[in-house]
C-alpha atoms as a PDB file:
ATOM      1  CA  UNK A   1     -11.129 -10.369  12.342  1.00  0.00           C
ATOM      2  CA  UNK A   2     -14.094  -8.160  13.304  1.00  0.00           C
ATOM      3  CA  UNK A   3     -16.615  -6.790  10.834  1.00  0.00           C
ATOM      4  CA  UNK A   4     -15.982  -3.211  11.756  1.00  0.00           C
ATOM      5  CA  UNK A   5     -12.972  -0.869  12.006  1.00  0.00           C
ATOM      6  CA  UNK A   6     -11.941   2.643  12.898  1.00  0.00           C
ATOM      7  CA  UNK A   7     -11.841   5.252  10.212  1.00  0.00           C
ATOM      8  CA  UNK A   8     -11.345   9.028  10.095  1.00  0.00           C
ATOM      9  CA  UNK A   9     -14.476  10.159   8.204  1.00  0.00           C
ATOM     10  CA  UNK A  10     -15.335  13.548   6.820  1.00  0.00           C
ATOM     11  CA  UNK A  11     -18.952  14.538   6.046  1.00  0.00           C
ATOM     12  CA  UNK A  12     -18.623  16.648   2.890  1.00  0.00           C
ATOM     13  CA  UNK A  13     -22.061  18.234   3.447  1.00  0.00           C
ATOM     14  CA  UNK A  14     -21.721  19.242   7.112  1.00  0.00           C
ATOM     15  CA  UNK A  15     -17.935  19.472   7.433  1.00  0.00           C
ATOM     16  CA  UNK A  16     -18.041  17.258  10.471  1.00  0.00           C
ATOM     17  CA  UNK A  17     -14.926  15.083  11.026  1.00  0.00           C
ATOM     18  CA  UNK A  18     -14.803  12.082  13.430  1.00  0.00           C
ATOM     19  CA  UNK A  19     -13.033   8.835  13.937  1.00  0.00           C
ATOM     20  CA  UNK A  20     -15.803   6.287  14.002  1.00  0.00           C
ATOM     21  CA  UNK A  21     -16.664   2.618  13.518  1.00  0.00           C
ATOM     22  CA  UNK A  22     -17.481   1.620   9.967  1.00  0.00           C
ATOM     23  CA  UNK A  23     -17.711  -1.729   8.153  1.00  0.00           C
ATOM     24  CA  UNK A  24     -14.439  -3.333   7.041  1.00  0.00           C
ATOM     25  CA  UNK A  25     -14.448  -2.996   3.203  1.00  0.00           C
ATOM     26  CA  UNK A  26     -14.459  -5.975   0.866  1.00  0.00           C
ATOM     27  CA  UNK A  27     -12.258  -5.797  -2.255  1.00  0.00           C
ATOM     28  CA  UNK A  28     -13.980  -5.972  -5.611  1.00  0.00           C
ATOM     29  CA  UNK A  29     -12.519  -6.989  -9.016  1.00  0.00           C
ATOM     30  CA  UNK A  30      -8.954  -5.802  -9.428  1.00  0.00           C
ATOM     31  CA  UNK A  31      -8.775  -4.528  -5.830  1.00  0.00           C
ATOM     32  CA  UNK A  32      -6.815  -5.517  -2.770  1.00  0.00           C
ATOM     33  CA  UNK A  33      -7.459  -4.771   0.892  1.00  0.00           C
ATOM     34  CA  UNK A  34      -4.625  -3.210   2.758  1.00  0.00           C
ATOM     35  CA  UNK A  35      -4.020  -3.487   6.534  1.00  0.00           C
ATOM     36  CA  UNK A  36      -2.876   0.063   7.012  1.00  0.00           C
ATOM     37  CA  UNK A  37       0.370   0.466   8.946  1.00  0.00           C
ATOM     38  CA  UNK A  38       0.927   4.194   8.571  1.00  0.00           C
ATOM     39  CA  UNK A  39      -0.921   7.210   7.080  1.00  0.00           C
ATOM     40  CA  UNK A  40       0.435  10.755   6.842  1.00  0.00           C
ATOM     41  CA  UNK A  41      -1.393  13.951   7.894  1.00  0.00           C
ATOM     42  CA  UNK A  42      -1.070  16.567   5.136  1.00  0.00           C
ATOM     43  CA  UNK A  43      -2.035  20.240   5.040  1.00  0.00           C
ATOM     44  CA  UNK A  44      -4.506  19.289   2.309  1.00  0.00           C
ATOM     45  CA  UNK A  45      -6.292  17.149   4.909  1.00  0.00           C
ATOM     46  CA  UNK A  46      -6.457  20.222   7.211  1.00  0.00           C
ATOM     47  CA  UNK A  47      -8.000  22.263   4.367  1.00  0.00           C
ATOM     48  CA  UNK A  48     -10.489  19.556   3.540  1.00  0.00           C
ATOM     49  CA  UNK A  49     -11.703  19.575   7.088  1.00  0.00           C
ATOM     50  CA  UNK A  50     -11.824  23.454   7.385  1.00  0.00           C
ATOM     51  CA  UNK A  51     -13.629  23.621   3.963  1.00  0.00           C
ATOM     52  CA  UNK A  52     -10.912  25.405   2.053  1.00  0.00           C
ATOM     53  CA  UNK A  53     -10.412  22.446  -0.280  1.00  0.00           C
ATOM     54  CA  UNK A  54     -13.251  20.617  -1.921  1.00  0.00           C
ATOM     55  CA  UNK A  55     -13.191  17.176  -3.712  1.00  0.00           C
ATOM     56  CA  UNK A  56     -13.453  17.602  -7.456  1.00  0.00           C
ATOM     57  CA  UNK A  57     -15.003  14.171  -8.084  1.00  0.00           C
ATOM     58  CA  UNK A  58     -16.555  13.031  -4.760  1.00  0.00           C
ATOM     59  CA  UNK A  59     -17.834   9.439  -4.927  1.00  0.00           C
ATOM     60  CA  UNK A  60     -20.078   9.917  -1.879  1.00  0.00           C
ATOM     61  CA  UNK A  61     -21.158  12.453   0.759  1.00  0.00           C
ATOM     62  CA  UNK A  62     -18.642  11.014   3.217  1.00  0.00           C
ATOM     63  CA  UNK A  63     -14.998  10.139   2.672  1.00  0.00           C
ATOM     64  CA  UNK A  64     -12.230   8.525   4.687  1.00  0.00           C
ATOM     65  CA  UNK A  65      -9.319  10.905   4.534  1.00  0.00           C
ATOM     66  CA  UNK A  66      -5.700  10.024   3.949  1.00  0.00           C
ATOM     67  CA  UNK A  67      -3.794  10.123   0.601  1.00  0.00           C
ATOM     68  CA  UNK A  68      -0.419   9.108   2.092  1.00  0.00           C
ATOM     69  CA  UNK A  69      -0.747   5.394   2.992  1.00  0.00           C
ATOM     70  CA  UNK A  70       1.416   2.315   3.456  1.00  0.00           C
ATOM     71  CA  UNK A  71       0.767  -1.099   4.841  1.00  0.00           C
ATOM     72  CA  UNK A  72       0.494  -4.849   4.084  1.00  0.00           C
ATOM     73  CA  UNK A  73      -1.747  -6.628   1.538  1.00  0.00           C
ATOM     74  CA  UNK A  74      -4.446  -8.339   3.617  1.00  0.00           C
ATOM     75  CA  UNK A  75      -6.824  -9.775   0.999  1.00  0.00           C
ATOM     76  CA  UNK A  76      -6.844 -10.101  -2.731  1.00  0.00           C
ATOM     77  CA  UNK A  77     -10.076  -9.432  -4.744  1.00  0.00           C
ATOM     78  CA  UNK A  78     -10.890 -11.276  -8.053  1.00  0.00           C
ATOM     79  CA  UNK A  79      -8.746 -10.632 -11.091  1.00  0.00           C
ATOM     80  CA  UNK A  80      -5.710  -9.259  -9.267  1.00  0.00           C
ATOM     81  CA  UNK A  81      -2.517 -10.184 -11.179  1.00  0.00           C
ATOM     82  CA  UNK A  82      -0.266 -12.830  -9.722  1.00  0.00           C
ATOM     83  CA  UNK A  83       2.516 -10.324  -9.036  1.00  0.00           C
ATOM     84  CA  UNK A  84       0.653  -9.441  -5.828  1.00  0.00           C
ATOM     85  CA  UNK A  85       0.228 -11.633  -2.705  1.00  0.00           C
ATOM     86  CA  UNK A  86      -1.060 -11.398   0.777  1.00  0.00           C
ATOM     87  CA  UNK A  87       1.583 -10.162   3.206  1.00  0.00           C
ATOM     88  CA  UNK A  88       3.465  -7.947   0.724  1.00  0.00           C
ATOM     89  CA  UNK A  89       4.646  -4.525   2.051  1.00  0.00           C
ATOM     90  CA  UNK A  90       3.299  -1.715  -0.158  1.00  0.00           C
ATOM     91  CA  UNK A  91       2.525   1.904  -0.357  1.00  0.00           C
ATOM     92  CA  UNK A  92      -0.397   3.332  -2.223  1.00  0.00           C
ATOM     93  CA  UNK A  93      -0.314   5.902  -5.088  1.00  0.00           C
ATOM     94  CA  UNK A  94      -2.111   9.043  -4.000  1.00  0.00           C
ATOM     95  CA  UNK A  95      -4.699   8.733  -6.793  1.00  0.00           C
ATOM     96  CA  UNK A  96      -5.638   7.062  -9.972  1.00  0.00           C
ATOM     97  CA  UNK A  97      -6.980   7.560 -13.491  1.00  0.00           C
ATOM     98  CA  UNK A  98     -10.755   7.658 -13.833  1.00  0.00           C
ATOM     99  CA  UNK A  99     -10.473   4.808 -16.408  1.00  0.00           C
ATOM    100  CA  UNK A 100     -13.651   5.925 -18.258  1.00  0.00           C
ATOM    101  CA  UNK A 101     -12.951   9.112 -20.027  1.00  0.00           C
ATOM    102  CA  UNK A 102     -11.898   9.330 -23.776  1.00  0.00           C
ATOM    103  CA  UNK A 103      -8.284  10.083 -22.757  1.00  0.00           C
ATOM    104  CA  UNK A 104      -8.037   7.031 -20.599  1.00  0.00           C
ATOM    105  CA  UNK A 105      -9.457   4.851 -23.354  1.00  0.00           C
ATOM    106  CA  UNK A 106      -6.701   6.201 -25.691  1.00  0.00           C
ATOM    107  CA  UNK A 107      -4.035   5.633 -22.991  1.00  0.00           C
ATOM    108  CA  UNK A 108      -3.502   9.345 -22.749  1.00  0.00           C
ATOM    109  CA  UNK A 109      -3.056  11.437 -19.563  1.00  0.00           C
ATOM    110  CA  UNK A 110      -6.369  11.499 -17.666  1.00  0.00           C
ATOM    111  CA  UNK A 111      -7.800  14.942 -17.170  1.00  0.00           C
ATOM    112  CA  UNK A 112      -9.936  13.845 -14.240  1.00  0.00           C
ATOM    113  CA  UNK A 113      -7.548  11.919 -11.920  1.00  0.00           C
ATOM    114  CA  UNK A 114      -9.278  10.858  -8.703  1.00  0.00           C
ATOM    115  CA  UNK A 115      -7.305  11.553  -5.414  1.00  0.00           C
ATOM    116  CA  UNK A 116      -7.329   8.926  -2.651  1.00  0.00           C
ATOM    117  CA  UNK A 117      -8.716  10.276   0.620  1.00  0.00           C
ATOM    118  CA  UNK A 118     -10.303  13.190  -1.181  1.00  0.00           C
ATOM    119  CA  UNK A 119     -12.540  11.837  -3.926  1.00  0.00           C
ATOM    120  CA  UNK A 120     -12.713   8.303  -2.576  1.00  0.00           C
ATOM    121  CA  UNK A 121     -11.863   6.570   0.632  1.00  0.00           C
ATOM    122  CA  UNK A 122      -8.215   6.806   1.811  1.00  0.00           C
ATOM    123  CA  UNK A 123      -5.866   5.465   4.408  1.00  0.00           C
ATOM    124  CA  UNK A 124      -7.028   7.040   7.741  1.00  0.00           C
ATOM    125  CA  UNK A 125      -8.455   3.658   8.596  1.00  0.00           C
ATOM    126  CA  UNK A 126      -7.434   0.210   9.870  1.00  0.00           C
ATOM    127  CA  UNK A 127      -8.071  -1.229   6.349  1.00  0.00           C
ATOM    128  CA  UNK A 128      -8.213   0.428   2.960  1.00  0.00           C
ATOM    129  CA  UNK A 129      -9.032  -0.685  -0.556  1.00  0.00           C
ATOM    130  CA  UNK A 130      -6.709  -0.027  -3.504  1.00  0.00           C
ATOM    131  CA  UNK A 131      -6.868  -0.877  -7.115  1.00  0.00           C
ATOM    132  CA  UNK A 132      -3.864  -3.221  -7.890  1.00  0.00           C
ATOM    133  CA  UNK A 133      -2.248  -0.814 -10.305  1.00  0.00           C
ATOM    134  CA  UNK A 134      -1.919   1.772  -7.533  1.00  0.00           C
ATOM    135  CA  UNK A 135       0.230  -0.546  -5.420  1.00  0.00           C
ATOM    136  CA  UNK A 136       3.952   0.075  -5.124  1.00  0.00           C
ATOM    137  CA  UNK A 137       6.109  -2.664  -3.435  1.00  0.00           C
ATOM    138  CA  UNK A 138       8.526  -1.284  -0.762  1.00  0.00           C
ATOM    139  CA  UNK A 139      11.680  -2.864   0.541  1.00  0.00           C
ATOM    140  CA  UNK A 140      11.696  -4.549   3.991  1.00  0.00           C
ATOM    141  CA  UNK A 141      14.137  -1.968   5.509  1.00  0.00           C
ATOM    142  CA  UNK A 142      11.960   1.055   4.633  1.00  0.00           C
ATOM    143  CA  UNK A 143       9.820   1.868   7.669  1.00  0.00           C
ATOM    144  CA  UNK A 144       6.085   2.187   6.939  1.00  0.00           C
ATOM    145  CA  UNK A 145       6.030   5.720   8.368  1.00  0.00           C
ATOM    146  CA  UNK A 146       8.583   6.878   5.887  1.00  0.00           C
ATOM    147  CA  UNK A 147       7.044   4.924   2.953  1.00  0.00           C
ATOM    148  CA  UNK A 148       3.614   6.405   3.608  1.00  0.00           C
ATOM    149  CA  UNK A 149       4.709  10.056   3.059  1.00  0.00           C
ATOM    150  CA  UNK A 150       6.546   9.395  -0.238  1.00  0.00           C
ATOM    151  CA  UNK A 151       3.295   9.998  -2.264  1.00  0.00           C
ATOM    152  CA  UNK A 152       2.803  13.829  -2.059  1.00  0.00           C
ATOM    153  CA  UNK A 153       5.090  15.005   0.710  1.00  0.00           C
ATOM    154  CA  UNK A 154       8.175  13.761  -1.154  1.00  0.00           C
ATOM    155  CA  UNK A 155       6.887  13.054  -4.707  1.00  0.00           C
ATOM    156  CA  UNK A 156       5.279  16.466  -5.206  1.00  0.00           C
ATOM    157  CA  UNK A 157       8.547  18.418  -4.745  1.00  0.00           C
ATOM    158  CA  UNK A 158      10.406  15.656  -6.623  1.00  0.00           C
ATOM    159  CA  UNK A 159       8.116  16.105  -9.608  1.00  0.00           C
ATOM    160  CA  UNK A 160       8.306  19.888  -9.394  1.00  0.00           C
ATOM    161  CA  UNK A 161      12.098  19.733  -9.418  1.00  0.00           C
ATOM    162  CA  UNK A 162      12.720  17.051 -12.057  1.00  0.00           C
ATOM    163  CA  UNK A 163       9.663  17.349 -14.395  1.00  0.00           C
ATOM    164  CA  UNK A 164       8.315  20.868 -14.242  1.00  0.00           C
ATOM    165  CA  UNK A 165      11.466  22.671 -13.074  1.00  0.00           C
ATOM    166  CA  UNK A 166      13.886  20.619 -15.236  1.00  0.00           C
ATOM    167  CA  UNK A 167      16.645  20.815 -12.645  1.00  0.00           C
ATOM    168  CA  UNK A 168      20.129  20.956 -14.089  1.00  0.00           C
ATOM    169  CA  UNK A 169      23.285  19.683 -12.226  1.00  0.00           C
ATOM    170  CA  UNK A 170      25.702  22.273 -10.929  1.00  0.00           C
ATOM    171  CA  UNK A 171      23.141  25.128 -11.499  1.00  0.00           C
ATOM    172  CA  UNK A 172      21.856  27.297  -8.611  1.00  0.00           C
ATOM    173  CA  UNK A 173      18.469  26.510  -7.181  1.00  0.00           C
ATOM    174  CA  UNK A 174      16.366  28.241  -4.461  1.00  0.00           C
ATOM    175  CA  UNK A 175      13.548  27.046  -2.218  1.00  0.00           C
ATOM    176  CA  UNK A 176      11.113  29.604  -0.670  1.00  0.00           C
ATOM    177  CA  UNK A 177       9.398  28.043   2.328  1.00  0.00           C
ATOM    178  CA  UNK A 178      11.077  25.172   4.257  1.00  0.00           C
ATOM    179  CA  UNK A 179       8.023  23.437   5.660  1.00  0.00           C
ATOM    180  CA  UNK A 180       6.903  19.879   5.007  1.00  0.00           C
ATOM    181  CA  UNK A 181       7.404  20.027   1.248  1.00  0.00           C
ATOM    182  CA  UNK A 182      10.162  22.589   1.334  1.00  0.00           C
ATOM    183  CA  UNK A 183      12.471  20.565   3.570  1.00  0.00           C
ATOM    184  CA  UNK A 184      12.118  17.638   1.085  1.00  0.00           C
ATOM    185  CA  UNK A 185      12.717  20.004  -1.810  1.00  0.00           C
ATOM    186  CA  UNK A 186      16.048  21.042  -0.273  1.00  0.00           C
ATOM    187  CA  UNK A 187      17.050  17.424   0.188  1.00  0.00           C
ATOM    188  CA  UNK A 188      15.963  16.386  -3.302  1.00  0.00           C
ATOM    189  CA  UNK A 189      17.650  19.335  -5.058  1.00  0.00           C
ATOM    190  CA  UNK A 190      20.928  18.342  -3.509  1.00  0.00           C
ATOM    191  CA  UNK A 191      20.287  14.679  -4.527  1.00  0.00           C
ATOM    192  CA  UNK A 192      19.621  15.812  -8.077  1.00  0.00           C
ATOM    193  CA  UNK A 193      22.916  17.831  -8.257  1.00  0.00           C
ATOM    194  CA  UNK A 194      21.705  21.387  -8.064  1.00  0.00           C
ATOM    195  CA  UNK A 195      24.397  23.716  -6.651  1.00  0.00           C
ATOM    196  CA  UNK A 196      24.334  25.853  -4.747  1.00  0.00           C
ATOM    197  CA  UNK A 197      21.005  25.052  -3.043  1.00  0.00           C
ATOM    198  CA  UNK A 198      19.704  28.209  -1.343  1.00  0.00           C
ATOM    199  CA  UNK A 199      16.806  28.110   1.133  1.00  0.00           C
ATOM    200  CA  UNK A 200      14.750  31.166   1.943  1.00  0.00           C
ATOM    201  CA  UNK A 201      12.383  31.446   4.948  1.00  0.00           C
ATOM    202  CA  UNK A 202      11.554  34.069   7.563  1.00  0.00           C
ATOM    203  CA  UNK A 203      11.758  31.604  10.416  1.00  0.00           C
ATOM    204  CA  UNK A 204      15.160  30.844  12.026  1.00  0.00           C
ATOM    205  CA  UNK A 205      14.114  27.371  12.933  1.00  0.00           C
ATOM    206  CA  UNK A 206      13.168  26.680   9.269  1.00  0.00           C
ATOM    207  CA  UNK A 207      16.531  28.041   8.057  1.00  0.00           C
ATOM    208  CA  UNK A 208      18.313  25.745  10.539  1.00  0.00           C
ATOM    209  CA  UNK A 209      16.296  22.831   9.232  1.00  0.00           C
ATOM    210  CA  UNK A 210      17.198  23.693   5.642  1.00  0.00           C
ATOM    211  CA  UNK A 211      20.927  23.490   6.509  1.00  0.00           C
ATOM    212  CA  UNK A 212      20.396  20.179   8.211  1.00  0.00           C
ATOM    213  CA  UNK A 213      18.605  18.864   5.032  1.00  0.00           C
ATOM    214  CA  UNK A 214      21.570  19.903   2.830  1.00  0.00           C
ATOM    215  CA  UNK A 215      21.164  23.607   1.853  1.00  0.00           C
ATOM    216  CA  UNK A 216      24.362  25.387   1.105  1.00  0.00           C
ATOM    217  CA  UNK A 217      22.958  28.685   2.351  1.00  0.00           C
ATOM    218  CA  UNK A 218      19.748  29.652   4.291  1.00  0.00           C
ATOM    219  CA  UNK A 219      18.610  33.245   4.117  1.00  0.00           C
ATOM    220  CA  UNK A 220      15.945  35.319   5.816  1.00  0.00           C
ATOM    221  CA  UNK A 221      13.128  36.270   3.410  1.00  0.00           C
ATOM    222  CA  UNK A 222      12.720  39.582   5.164  1.00  0.00           C
ATOM    223  CA  UNK A 223      16.366  40.624   4.720  1.00  0.00           C
ATOM    224  CA  UNK A 224      16.516  43.790   2.558  1.00  0.00           C
ATOM    225  CA  UNK A 225      19.684  42.545   0.823  1.00  0.00           C
ATOM    226  CA  UNK A 226      18.332  39.075  -0.032  1.00  0.00           C
ATOM    227  CA  UNK A 227      18.657  39.396  -3.830  1.00  0.00           C
ATOM    228  CA  UNK A 228      22.204  40.828  -3.401  1.00  0.00           C
ATOM    229  CA  UNK A 229      23.214  37.890  -1.255  1.00  0.00           C
ATOM    230  CA  UNK A 230      21.752  35.387  -3.718  1.00  0.00           C
ATOM    231  CA  UNK A 231      23.576  37.034  -6.586  1.00  0.00           C
ATOM    232  CA  UNK A 232      26.883  36.950  -4.512  1.00  0.00           C
ATOM    233  CA  UNK A 233      26.300  33.229  -3.796  1.00  0.00           C
ATOM    234  CA  UNK A 234      25.759  32.404  -7.445  1.00  0.00           C
ATOM    235  CA  UNK A 235      28.621  34.398  -8.939  1.00  0.00           C
ATOM    236  CA  UNK A 236      26.328  37.226 -10.023  1.00  0.00           C
ATOM    237  CA  UNK A 237      24.267  34.799 -12.127  1.00  0.00           C
ATOM    238  CA  UNK A 238      21.032  34.304 -10.065  1.00  0.00           C
ATOM    239  CA  UNK A 239      18.945  31.212  -9.723  1.00  0.00           C
ATOM    240  CA  UNK A 240      18.467  28.838 -12.597  1.00  0.00           C
ATOM    241  CA  UNK A 241      15.460  27.348 -10.714  1.00  0.00           C
ATOM    242  CA  UNK A 242      13.340  28.690  -7.883  1.00  0.00           C
ATOM    243  CA  UNK A 243      10.607  26.826  -6.124  1.00  0.00           C
ATOM    244  CA  UNK A 244       7.745  28.599  -4.265  1.00  0.00           C
ATOM    245  CA  UNK A 245       6.610  26.122  -1.627  1.00  0.00           C
ATOM    246  CA  UNK A 246       5.067  28.855   0.550  1.00  0.00           C
ATOM    247  CA  UNK A 247       2.151  29.847  -1.700  1.00  0.00           C
ATOM    248  CA  UNK A 248       2.555  33.455  -0.675  1.00  0.00           C
ATOM    249  CA  UNK A 249       2.117  36.278  -3.356  1.00  0.00           C
ATOM    250  CA  UNK A 250       5.029  38.356  -2.110  1.00  0.00           C
ATOM    251  CA  UNK A 251       7.319  35.272  -2.409  1.00  0.00           C
ATOM    252  CA  UNK A 252       6.661  34.945  -6.059  1.00  0.00           C
ATOM    253  CA  UNK A 253       7.690  38.490  -6.929  1.00  0.00           C
ATOM    254  CA  UNK A 254      10.775  38.196  -4.700  1.00  0.00           C
ATOM    255  CA  UNK A 255      11.816  34.861  -6.305  1.00  0.00           C
ATOM    256  CA  UNK A 256      11.419  36.179  -9.876  1.00  0.00           C
ATOM    257  CA  UNK A 257      13.765  39.026  -9.102  1.00  0.00           C
ATOM    258  CA  UNK A 258      16.383  36.498  -8.048  1.00  0.00           C
ATOM    259  CA  UNK A 259      16.223  34.399 -11.194  1.00  0.00           C
ATOM    260  CA  UNK A 260      19.006  34.219 -13.840  1.00  0.00           C
ATOM    261  CA  UNK A 261      18.425  34.912 -17.480  1.00  0.00           C
ATOM    262  CA  UNK A 262      16.169  32.033 -18.660  1.00  0.00           C
ATOM    263  CA  UNK A 263      15.518  31.087 -15.067  1.00  0.00           C
ATOM    264  CA  UNK A 264      12.326  29.300 -13.984  1.00  0.00           C
ATOM    265  CA  UNK A 265       9.944  29.851 -11.017  1.00  0.00           C
ATOM    266  CA  UNK A 266       7.781  26.823 -10.222  1.00  0.00           C
ATOM    267  CA  UNK A 267       4.682  27.485  -8.195  1.00  0.00           C
ATOM    268  CA  UNK A 268       4.097  24.539  -5.907  1.00  0.00           C
ATOM    269  CA  UNK A 269       2.422  26.268  -2.989  1.00  0.00           C
ATOM    270  CA  UNK A 270      -1.156  27.104  -3.774  1.00  0.00           C
ATOM    271  CA  UNK A 271      -2.740  30.555  -3.349  1.00  0.00           C
ATOM    272  CA  UNK A 272      -6.213  31.642  -4.642  1.00  0.00           C
ATOM    273  CA  UNK A 273      -5.245  35.253  -5.241  1.00  0.00           C
ATOM    274  CA  UNK A 274      -3.917  36.920  -8.386  1.00  0.00           C
ATOM    275  CA  UNK A 275      -0.315  36.540  -9.561  1.00  0.00           C
ATOM    276  CA  UNK A 276       1.352  39.947  -9.671  1.00  0.00           C
ATOM    277  CA  UNK A 277       4.852  41.029 -10.586  1.00  0.00           C
ATOM    278  CA  UNK A 278       6.573  44.327  -9.896  1.00  0.00           C
ATOM    279  CA  UNK A 279       8.412  44.285 -13.231  1.00  0.00           C
ATOM    280  CA  UNK A 280       6.912  42.073 -15.911  1.00  0.00           C
ATOM    281  CA  UNK A 281       9.001  43.699 -18.645  1.00  0.00           C
ATOM    282  CA  UNK A 282      12.136  42.290 -16.999  1.00  0.00           C
ATOM    283  CA  UNK A 283      10.507  38.823 -17.021  1.00  0.00           C
ATOM    284  CA  UNK A 284      10.098  39.005 -20.796  1.00  0.00           C
ATOM    285  CA  UNK A 285      13.506  40.746 -21.499  1.00  0.00           C
ATOM    286  CA  UNK A 286      15.377  38.073 -19.446  1.00  0.00           C
ATOM    287  CA  UNK A 287      13.234  35.269 -21.013  1.00  0.00           C
ATOM    288  CA  UNK A 288      12.222  33.873 -17.623  1.00  0.00           C
ATOM    289  CA  UNK A 289       9.323  31.564 -17.013  1.00  0.00           C
ATOM    290  CA  UNK A 290       6.704  30.994 -14.319  1.00  0.00           C
ATOM    291  CA  UNK A 291       5.313  27.474 -14.239  1.00  0.00           C
ATOM    292  CA  UNK A 292       2.420  26.018 -12.325  1.00  0.00           C
ATOM    293  CA  UNK A 293       2.803  22.639 -10.666  1.00  0.00           C
ATOM    294  CA  UNK A 294       0.451  20.244  -8.862  1.00  0.00           C
ATOM    295  CA  UNK A 295       1.116  16.758  -7.399  1.00  0.00           C
ATOM    296  CA  UNK A 296       3.135  14.082  -9.120  1.00  0.00           C
ATOM    297  CA  UNK A 297       2.859  11.148 -11.535  1.00  0.00           C
ATOM    298  CA  UNK A 298       2.997   7.475 -10.472  1.00  0.00           C
ATOM    299  CA  UNK A 299       6.467   7.294 -12.085  1.00  0.00           C
ATOM    300  CA  UNK A 300       7.804   9.886  -9.618  1.00  0.00           C
ATOM    301  CA  UNK A 301       6.779   7.668  -6.664  1.00  0.00           C
ATOM    302  CA  UNK A 302       8.427   4.661  -8.328  1.00  0.00           C
ATOM    303  CA  UNK A 303      11.650   6.632  -8.735  1.00  0.00           C
ATOM    304  CA  UNK A 304      11.673   7.665  -5.036  1.00  0.00           C
ATOM    305  CA  UNK A 305      11.086   4.179  -3.877  1.00  0.00           C
ATOM    306  CA  UNK A 306      13.965   2.972  -6.066  1.00  0.00           C
ATOM    307  CA  UNK A 307      16.216   5.697  -4.470  1.00  0.00           C
ATOM    308  CA  UNK A 308      15.095   4.673  -1.010  1.00  0.00           C
ATOM    309  CA  UNK A 309      15.757   1.004  -1.827  1.00  0.00           C
ATOM    310  CA  UNK A 310      19.318   1.885  -2.803  1.00  0.00           C
ATOM    311  CA  UNK A 311      19.756   4.049   0.259  1.00  0.00           C
ATOM    312  CA  UNK A 312      20.181   7.238  -1.752  1.00  0.00           C
ATOM    313  CA  UNK A 313      17.208   8.859   0.050  1.00  0.00           C
ATOM    314  CA  UNK A 314      16.991   9.120   3.785  1.00  0.00           C
ATOM    315  CA  UNK A 315      13.487  10.062   5.071  1.00  0.00           C
ATOM    316  CA  UNK A 316      14.333   9.332   8.693  1.00  0.00           C
ATOM    317  CA  UNK A 317      14.202  13.077   9.570  1.00  0.00           C
ATOM    318  CA  UNK A 318      10.814  13.554   7.842  1.00  0.00           C
ATOM    319  CA  UNK A 319       8.668  12.009  10.594  1.00  0.00           C
ATOM    320  CA  UNK A 320       8.063  14.664  13.231  1.00  0.00           C
ATOM    321  CA  UNK A 321       5.791  12.374  15.327  1.00  0.00           C
ATOM    322  CA  UNK A 322       3.248   9.560  15.237  1.00  0.00           C
ATOM    323  CA  UNK A 323      -0.243   9.393  16.751  1.00  0.00           C
ATOM    324  CA  UNK A 324      -2.907   6.677  17.148  1.00  0.00           C
ATOM    325  CA  UNK A 325      -5.640   6.752  14.492  1.00  0.00           C
ATOM    326  CA  UNK A 326      -8.111   7.534  17.248  1.00  0.00           C
ATOM    327  CA  UNK A 327      -6.263  10.868  17.848  1.00  0.00           C
ATOM    328  CA  UNK A 328      -6.505  12.002  14.143  1.00  0.00           C
ATOM    329  CA  UNK A 329      -8.385  15.162  15.020  1.00  0.00           C
ATOM    330  CA  UNK A 330      -5.669  16.164  17.511  1.00  0.00           C
ATOM    331  CA  UNK A 331      -3.031  15.548  14.826  1.00  0.00           C
ATOM    332  CA  UNK A 332      -4.872  17.794  12.431  1.00  0.00           C
ATOM    333  CA  UNK A 333      -5.017  20.525  15.005  1.00  0.00           C
ATOM    334  CA  UNK A 334      -1.292  20.171  15.718  1.00  0.00           C
ATOM    335  CA  UNK A 335      -0.554  20.636  12.023  1.00  0.00           C
ATOM    336  CA  UNK A 336      -3.027  23.525  11.658  1.00  0.00           C
ATOM    337  CA  UNK A 337      -1.370  25.393  14.495  1.00  0.00           C
ATOM    338  CA  UNK A 338       2.099  24.233  13.373  1.00  0.00           C
ATOM    339  CA  UNK A 339       2.870  23.010  16.817  1.00  0.00           C
ATOM    340  CA  UNK A 340       6.567  22.023  16.887  1.00  0.00           C
ATOM    341  CA  UNK A 341       6.861  23.075  13.235  1.00  0.00           C
ATOM    342  CA  UNK A 342       6.309  19.457  11.968  1.00  0.00           C
ATOM    343  CA  UNK A 343       7.486  18.143   8.635  1.00  0.00           C
ATOM    344  CA  UNK A 344       5.024  15.150   8.705  1.00  0.00           C
ATOM    345  CA  UNK A 345       2.834  13.727  11.440  1.00  0.00           C
ATOM    346  CA  UNK A 346       1.812  10.112  10.805  1.00  0.00           C
ATOM    347  CA  UNK A 347      -1.208   8.147  12.073  1.00  0.00           C
ATOM    348  CA  UNK A 348      -0.682   4.542  13.250  1.00  0.00           C
ATOM    349  CA  UNK A 349      -3.932   2.513  13.111  1.00  0.00           C
END
């Protein structure tokens, strides 16, 4: 084994991104070193590189990107529990508790969770370090490319659906925006028993994708009779749950108007602008709710791996293409331009 490796590094001060040679990291107490087999490219990575997203708790002026990572345990550091061994196939949780704040010391939810590949070095590298409690064992028949994207690309919509959105079986649900997260949201809503599942997107290709992923109906967001068609598809009731995966202000107002009495809109897609509604009185009168959502908890990743292990979750359609780690910048550019309308592009070190 050589002393150096390739890693996709972002300089947080200059904004320069490059794949370059860096020292192979050595695991410290409680850490393992992972030989990375696959690492997803997320829109968050694009925004980190273009400066639209900044780390909240940066550990250094440079960071190796990549919060969606899977591979094999290469080396164990001191004090790693015996449950882990070299050669095990694992994915890495997308972040971890700070372990130092008062909430962590009381075993309460940490208000300052650090994100892998954002606040500290991630998986766009040949080798990556991980604290042992962020490891999740994966079955032998789950390809690394599919395992890598479970944290975030799949777990974020899963958490939005099951935790924030409180999905209910046999109740109508809608998804606005059928991109990387939205395609998984359609698939997961069907898995959770929502019915009918209605996808809304202005792009015909995205609507076709939604039907392939299990939507009962796919509608054009620009159609003037959209609300009427949703009401017709839900027996006049409207949507029990709507998910905004697009992060577009107009989407939110449109989705609220399609909710049932007591319906919930979950904001997954991010937008820095104000939240505005055409008729806020109707929101109060109909006792509807708008809920913010961000990321997922470790338990959501564990649930998805269990579903994949039992072959209840098929992520084979989620991988739109793979690229060598050396071509990370090209992959970022493909995602930024939405070339081929990818669900997920994956780097292979």
